[in-house]
Amino acid sequence: MKNKGLILAMGALMGVLTTPANALSLATSYTLIDELAVSFSPTDAFFSGFSFSNDAASDGISGEGNADRYDAPAACIGACASFENEFYQHTQTADTAYGDAQVISAGLSVGTGAASSIGEVITGAGIAYASGANVFTGYMFGVAPGTEIDFSFNAELFMNTVAGTDGFASANSFFNISLRNSSGATVFEWLPDGSSVTGPMGGTELYDPFSLNTGITFNSLYDQSADFFRASTNALAGGSYRLNIKMENKVNAFDVVGPNVVVPLPAAAWLFASGLVGLFATSRRKK
């Protein structure tokens, strides 16, 4: 029984150093766009364009990425093989990194443009990343002096992050519309941010109900149901222009330890244990 005090002291120290951790960090970010329209006033400009999507996923040292014109194949690491074009939050419990993007319709000139993108990760140990992005690029020829261009669409944005006990999670969304003239100068740029104070450069904002350019971290939720957005350019100089519309969702998550893993502590913990050992040694000598 002489060593009972020492055993108790060491047991107390191990109790401090061994920390059960919630080894699950997750992050989801997806955006749904529909009824995307580009219209001209007057309406005599000629418009042509193309669209493409890309996505990426990584978990630890494993990675995957895809790019395509309209529908990039899903980038998947882990338990997401059946997730192709599934733009919503999943309920996986195993390590997963899923990125996907799809241009559903490129009919901007007739108001039927639609696209979706998602990034989703779940990790129990290590680092995971995923993203999905869509880009519409259009070329406008024969724009008459004084022409104004109107942009409108419906958007839905969802982001959720949960950080494990020793982890971190982040989710981000990006959306912007820009217009450049034939010299490459940007004459219009709009990044919807849900603010009535800020607005597009080179134009007027008509509806901007919530931010499409934002992010969250740790344990947070950003859930915005479908709403209407609209903005227009100022009167343009005559000439040719290049239109660029980009949407992107990115997520990151990591967990530095798994359950019941020894966690390094400051030197004070070792001093605490040494003091206990010294105390019991002194008590034994007094006996």
Protein backbone atom coordinates (compact mmCIF):
# COMPACT_ATOMS: atom_id res chain seq x y z
CA MET A 1 0.00 0.00 0.00
CA LYS A 2 3.08 2.26 0.26
CA ASN A 3 2.79 3.17 -3.42
CA LYS A 4 -0.93 3.86 -3.38
CA GLY A 5 -0.46 7.64 -3.24
CA LEU A 6 1.96 7.61 -6.13
CA ILE A 7 -0.37 5.46 -8.18
CA LEU A 8 -3.25 7.84 -7.48
CA ALA A 9 -1.10 10.81 -8.48
CA MET A 10 -0.09 9.24 -11.77
CA GLY A 11 -3.68 8.20 -12.38
CA ALA A 12 -4.80 11.79 -11.87
CA LEU A 13 -2.21 12.96 -14.38
CA MET A 14 -3.27 10.40 -16.97
CA GLY A 15 -6.86 11.47 -16.44
CA VAL A 16 -5.83 15.00 -17.36
CA LEU A 17 -3.76 13.94 -20.37
CA THR A 18 -6.23 11.48 -21.90
CA THR A 19 -9.10 13.43 -23.42
CA PRO A 20 -12.02 11.75 -25.15
CA ALA A 21 -12.72 13.83 -28.27
CA ASN A 22 -15.69 14.06 -30.57
CA ALA A 23 -13.89 12.98 -33.74
CA LEU A 24 -16.43 14.32 -36.20
CA SER A 25 -16.11 17.61 -38.05
CA LEU A 26 -18.37 18.39 -41.00
CA ALA A 27 -19.18 21.23 -43.37
CA THR A 28 -21.73 21.68 -46.15
CA SER A 29 -22.26 24.54 -48.60
CA TYR A 30 -24.56 24.50 -51.62
CA THR A 31 -26.18 27.09 -53.87
CA LEU A 32 -29.12 26.62 -56.22
CA ILE A 33 -29.72 29.17 -59.00
CA ASP A 34 -32.64 29.23 -61.42
CA GLU A 35 -34.50 31.60 -63.76
CA LEU A 36 -31.20 33.36 -64.45
CA ALA A 37 -31.88 36.01 -67.08
CA VAL A 38 -29.80 38.56 -68.99
CA SER A 39 -31.75 41.16 -70.98
CA PHE A 40 -30.83 44.28 -72.96
CA SER A 41 -32.47 47.67 -73.34
CA PRO A 42 -32.57 48.35 -76.24
CA THR A 43 -32.64 44.74 -77.40
CA ASP A 44 -30.50 44.86 -80.53
CA ALA A 45 -27.26 43.43 -79.02
CA PHE A 46 -26.05 40.04 -80.22
CA PHE A 47 -25.23 37.61 -77.41
CA SER A 48 -23.38 34.30 -77.49
CA GLY A 49 -21.88 32.30 -74.66
CA PHE A 50 -20.78 29.04 -73.15
CA SER A 51 -20.74 27.49 -69.69
CA PHE A 52 -18.67 25.00 -67.76
CA SER A 53 -18.52 23.45 -64.31
CA ASN A 54 -15.75 22.04 -62.14
CA ASP A 55 -15.40 20.36 -58.77
CA ALA A 56 -12.78 18.95 -56.43
CA ALA A 57 -12.54 16.81 -53.31
CA SER A 58 -9.71 15.70 -51.05
CA ASP A 59 -9.38 13.77 -47.82
CA GLY A 60 -5.89 13.50 -46.41
CA ILE A 61 -3.52 12.74 -49.27
CA SER A 62 -6.27 11.42 -51.56
CA GLY A 63 -7.69 13.89 -54.06
CA GLU A 64 -9.90 14.11 -57.12
CA GLY A 65 -11.03 16.82 -59.49
CA ASN A 66 -13.24 17.07 -62.58
CA ALA A 67 -14.11 19.69 -65.17
CA ASP A 68 -16.66 19.60 -67.96
CA ARG A 69 -18.73 21.90 -70.12
CA TYR A 70 -22.09 21.59 -68.42
CA ASP A 71 -22.02 18.80 -65.86
CA ALA A 72 -18.72 17.93 -64.23
CA PRO A 73 -18.75 14.39 -62.81
CA ALA A 74 -18.88 14.44 -59.03
CA ALA A 75 -15.56 14.52 -57.19
CA CYS A 76 -15.85 11.93 -54.43
CA ILE A 77 -13.54 10.59 -51.74
CA GLY A 78 -15.11 8.13 -49.30
CA ALA A 79 -18.77 7.27 -48.82
CA CYS A 80 -20.31 9.40 -51.57
CA ALA A 81 -20.23 7.23 -54.70
CA SER A 82 -23.99 7.62 -55.22
CA PHE A 83 -24.12 11.40 -54.74
CA GLU A 84 -23.99 12.48 -58.41
CA ASN A 85 -25.87 15.80 -58.80
CA GLU A 86 -27.28 15.67 -55.27
CA PHE A 87 -27.31 19.27 -54.11
CA TYR A 88 -28.43 19.00 -50.50
CA GLN A 89 -26.96 18.13 -47.11
CA HIS A 90 -26.33 14.41 -46.60
CA THR A 91 -26.30 12.44 -43.36
CA GLN A 92 -23.09 10.47 -43.72
CA THR A 93 -21.17 9.34 -40.63
CA ALA A 94 -18.05 8.02 -42.40
CA ASP A 95 -15.21 10.11 -43.82
CA THR A 96 -16.46 11.81 -46.98
CA ALA A 97 -15.36 14.62 -49.30
CA TYR A 98 -17.88 15.47 -52.03
CA GLY A 99 -17.75 18.26 -54.60
CA ASP A 100 -20.15 18.65 -57.49
CA ALA A 101 -21.38 21.27 -59.96
CA GLN A 102 -23.91 21.31 -62.75
CA VAL A 103 -25.12 23.84 -65.29
CA ILE A 104 -28.70 22.71 -65.72
CA SER A 105 -29.58 25.30 -68.36
CA ALA A 106 -27.52 27.97 -70.13
CA GLY A 107 -30.56 29.83 -71.45
CA LEU A 108 -29.63 33.22 -70.01
CA SER A 109 -31.10 35.20 -72.90
CA VAL A 110 -34.52 33.59 -72.40
CA GLY A 111 -34.51 33.60 -68.60
CA THR A 112 -34.07 29.87 -68.04
CA GLY A 113 -30.47 29.82 -66.79
CA ALA A 114 -30.00 27.38 -63.92
CA ALA A 115 -27.03 25.94 -62.06
CA SER A 116 -26.16 24.22 -58.78
CA SER A 117 -22.92 23.61 -56.88
CA ILE A 118 -21.97 21.94 -53.61
CA GLY A 119 -19.04 21.18 -51.35
CA GLU A 120 -19.45 18.75 -48.45
CA VAL A 121 -16.97 17.10 -46.09
CA ILE A 122 -17.11 14.86 -43.03
CA THR A 123 -13.91 13.81 -41.29
CA GLY A 124 -13.03 11.88 -38.18
CA ALA A 125 -9.29 12.44 -38.36
CA GLY A 126 -7.16 14.53 -40.68
CA ILE A 127 -8.03 17.24 -43.19
CA ALA A 128 -10.77 17.25 -45.84
CA TYR A 129 -11.73 19.74 -48.57
CA ALA A 130 -14.39 19.94 -51.27
CA SER A 131 -15.69 22.47 -53.77
CA GLY A 132 -18.04 22.92 -56.69
CA ALA A 133 -18.16 25.81 -59.18
CA ASN A 134 -20.03 26.94 -62.30
CA VAL A 135 -19.07 29.67 -64.76
CA PHE A 136 -21.16 31.33 -67.47
CA THR A 137 -19.15 33.32 -70.01
CA GLY A 138 -20.92 35.41 -72.61
CA TYR A 139 -19.84 37.65 -75.47
CA MET A 140 -21.94 40.66 -76.49
CA PHE A 141 -21.44 42.23 -79.90
CA GLY A 142 -22.96 45.33 -81.42
CA VAL A 143 -23.98 46.93 -78.13
CA ALA A 144 -25.44 50.33 -79.02
CA PRO A 145 -24.45 53.45 -77.04
CA GLY A 146 -26.73 53.87 -74.01
CA THR A 147 -27.62 50.17 -73.73
CA GLU A 148 -28.37 48.88 -70.23
CA ILE A 149 -28.11 45.21 -69.26
CA ASP A 150 -30.40 43.70 -66.65
CA PHE A 151 -29.55 40.62 -64.55
CA SER A 152 -32.05 38.66 -62.47
CA PHE A 153 -32.29 35.22 -60.86
CA ASN A 154 -33.59 33.20 -57.96
CA ALA A 155 -31.09 31.81 -55.45
CA GLU A 156 -31.09 29.47 -52.47
CA LEU A 157 -28.04 29.09 -50.20
CA PHE A 158 -27.41 26.61 -47.38
CA MET A 159 -24.30 26.31 -45.22
CA ASN A 160 -23.75 24.26 -42.08
CA THR A 161 -20.61 23.62 -40.03
CA VAL A 162 -20.00 21.37 -37.03
CA ALA A 163 -16.55 21.27 -35.42
CA GLY A 164 -15.42 18.25 -33.45
CA THR A 165 -14.01 18.71 -29.95
CA ASP A 166 -10.51 19.15 -31.34
CA GLY A 167 -11.49 20.14 -34.85
CA PHE A 168 -12.45 22.98 -37.14
CA ALA A 169 -14.98 23.41 -39.94
CA SER A 170 -15.66 26.19 -42.45
CA ALA A 171 -18.08 26.73 -45.32
CA ASN A 172 -18.03 29.50 -47.92
CA SER A 173 -20.11 30.75 -50.82
CA PHE A 174 -19.08 33.02 -53.70
CA PHE A 175 -21.17 34.59 -56.47
CA ASN A 176 -20.34 37.46 -58.80
CA ILE A 177 -21.35 38.97 -62.12
CA SER A 178 -18.86 41.10 -64.02
CA LEU A 179 -18.75 42.83 -67.39
CA ARG A 180 -15.60 43.91 -69.25
CA ASN A 181 -15.25 46.04 -72.35
CA SER A 182 -13.11 45.22 -75.38
CA SER A 183 -10.07 46.81 -73.69
CA GLY A 184 -10.38 44.46 -70.72
CA ALA A 185 -11.55 47.11 -68.26
CA THR A 186 -14.27 46.08 -65.80
CA VAL A 187 -17.29 48.34 -66.28
CA PHE A 188 -19.72 46.44 -64.04
CA GLU A 189 -19.28 44.10 -61.09
CA TRP A 190 -21.90 42.79 -58.67
CA LEU A 191 -21.29 40.65 -55.60
CA PRO A 192 -24.65 40.26 -53.82
CA ASP A 193 -24.07 40.74 -50.10
CA GLY A 194 -27.54 41.35 -48.67
CA SER A 195 -26.72 44.98 -47.88
CA SER A 196 -28.71 48.03 -48.92
CA VAL A 197 -25.63 50.20 -48.40
CA THR A 198 -23.30 48.59 -50.91
CA GLY A 199 -24.19 47.91 -54.52
CA PRO A 200 -22.68 46.95 -57.85
CA MET A 201 -19.84 48.90 -59.36
CA GLY A 202 -21.10 50.57 -62.52
CA GLY A 203 -24.76 49.84 -61.96
CA THR A 204 -27.83 49.78 -59.74
CA GLU A 205 -28.97 47.09 -57.33
CA LEU A 206 -32.71 46.46 -57.28
CA TYR A 207 -33.09 43.33 -55.11
CA ASP A 208 -30.43 41.79 -52.85
CA PRO A 209 -32.21 39.91 -50.02
CA PHE A 210 -29.23 38.03 -48.53
CA SER A 211 -25.51 37.56 -49.06
CA LEU A 212 -24.23 35.06 -51.60
CA ASN A 213 -20.65 36.00 -50.67
CA THR A 214 -20.19 34.88 -47.11
CA GLY A 215 -18.80 32.15 -44.89
CA ILE A 216 -19.26 30.45 -41.53
CA THR A 217 -16.97 28.53 -39.17
CA PHE A 218 -17.07 26.11 -36.23
CA ASN A 219 -20.69 25.39 -35.18
CA SER A 220 -22.85 27.61 -37.37
CA LEU A 221 -25.83 27.54 -39.72
CA TYR A 222 -26.69 29.84 -42.64
CA ASP A 223 -29.94 28.76 -44.27
CA GLN A 224 -31.53 31.05 -46.86
CA SER A 225 -34.55 29.85 -48.79
CA ALA A 226 -35.10 30.82 -52.42
CA ASP A 227 -35.41 34.54 -53.09
CA PHE A 228 -35.17 36.98 -55.99
CA PHE A 229 -32.09 39.02 -56.98
CA ARG A 230 -31.83 41.78 -59.58
CA ALA A 231 -29.37 44.46 -60.72
CA SER A 232 -28.66 46.43 -63.88
CA THR A 233 -25.72 48.23 -65.46
CA ASN A 234 -25.45 51.92 -66.08
CA ALA A 235 -25.79 53.07 -69.69
CA LEU A 236 -22.91 51.51 -71.59
CA ALA A 237 -20.68 52.90 -74.30
CA GLY A 238 -21.15 51.29 -77.69
CA GLY A 239 -18.95 48.31 -78.49
CA SER A 240 -18.33 44.71 -77.51
CA TYR A 241 -18.34 43.22 -74.00
CA ARG A 242 -17.49 40.03 -72.17
CA LEU A 243 -19.83 38.78 -69.44
CA ASN A 244 -18.67 36.49 -66.63
CA ILE A 245 -20.96 34.91 -64.03
CA LYS A 246 -19.37 32.64 -61.43
CA MET A 247 -20.74 30.71 -58.46
CA GLU A 248 -18.68 28.57 -56.12
CA ASN A 249 -19.05 26.66 -52.85
CA LYS A 250 -16.06 25.59 -50.74
CA VAL A 251 -15.77 23.67 -47.48
CA ASN A 252 -12.93 22.60 -45.20
CA ALA A 253 -12.84 20.47 -42.07
CA PHE A 254 -10.23 18.82 -39.91
CA ASP A 255 -9.96 16.96 -36.64
CA VAL A 256 -6.54 16.81 -35.03
CA VAL A 257 -7.17 13.87 -32.69
CA GLY A 258 -9.42 10.86 -32.50
CA PRO A 259 -11.25 9.51 -29.45
CA ASN A 260 -9.20 8.77 -26.32
CA VAL A 261 -5.96 10.14 -27.75
CA VAL A 262 -3.25 11.53 -25.50
CA VAL A 263 -3.27 15.31 -25.86
CA PRO A 264 -0.08 17.31 -25.07
CA LEU A 265 -0.60 19.77 -22.21
CA PRO A 266 1.43 22.72 -20.89
CA ALA A 267 4.33 22.21 -18.47
CA ALA A 268 2.02 23.16 -15.60
CA ALA A 269 0.42 19.73 -15.79
CA TRP A 270 3.77 18.03 -15.30
CA LEU A 271 4.54 20.37 -12.39
CA PHE A 272 1.19 19.47 -10.90
CA ALA A 273 2.03 15.76 -11.08
CA SER A 274 5.54 16.31 -9.72
CA GLY A 275 4.07 18.19 -6.79
CA LEU A 276 1.75 15.30 -6.02
CA VAL A 277 4.60 12.82 -6.16
CA GLY A 278 6.68 15.04 -3.87
CA LEU A 279 3.78 15.40 -1.47
CA PHE A 280 3.33 11.65 -1.13
CA ALA A 281 7.08 11.13 -0.75
CA THR A 282 7.13 13.68 2.08
CA SER A 283 4.18 11.98 3.76
CA ARG A 284 5.95 8.65 3.63
CA ARG A 285 9.07 10.10 5.28
CA LYS A 286 7.00 11.63 8.10
CA LYS A 287 5.65 8.19 8.91
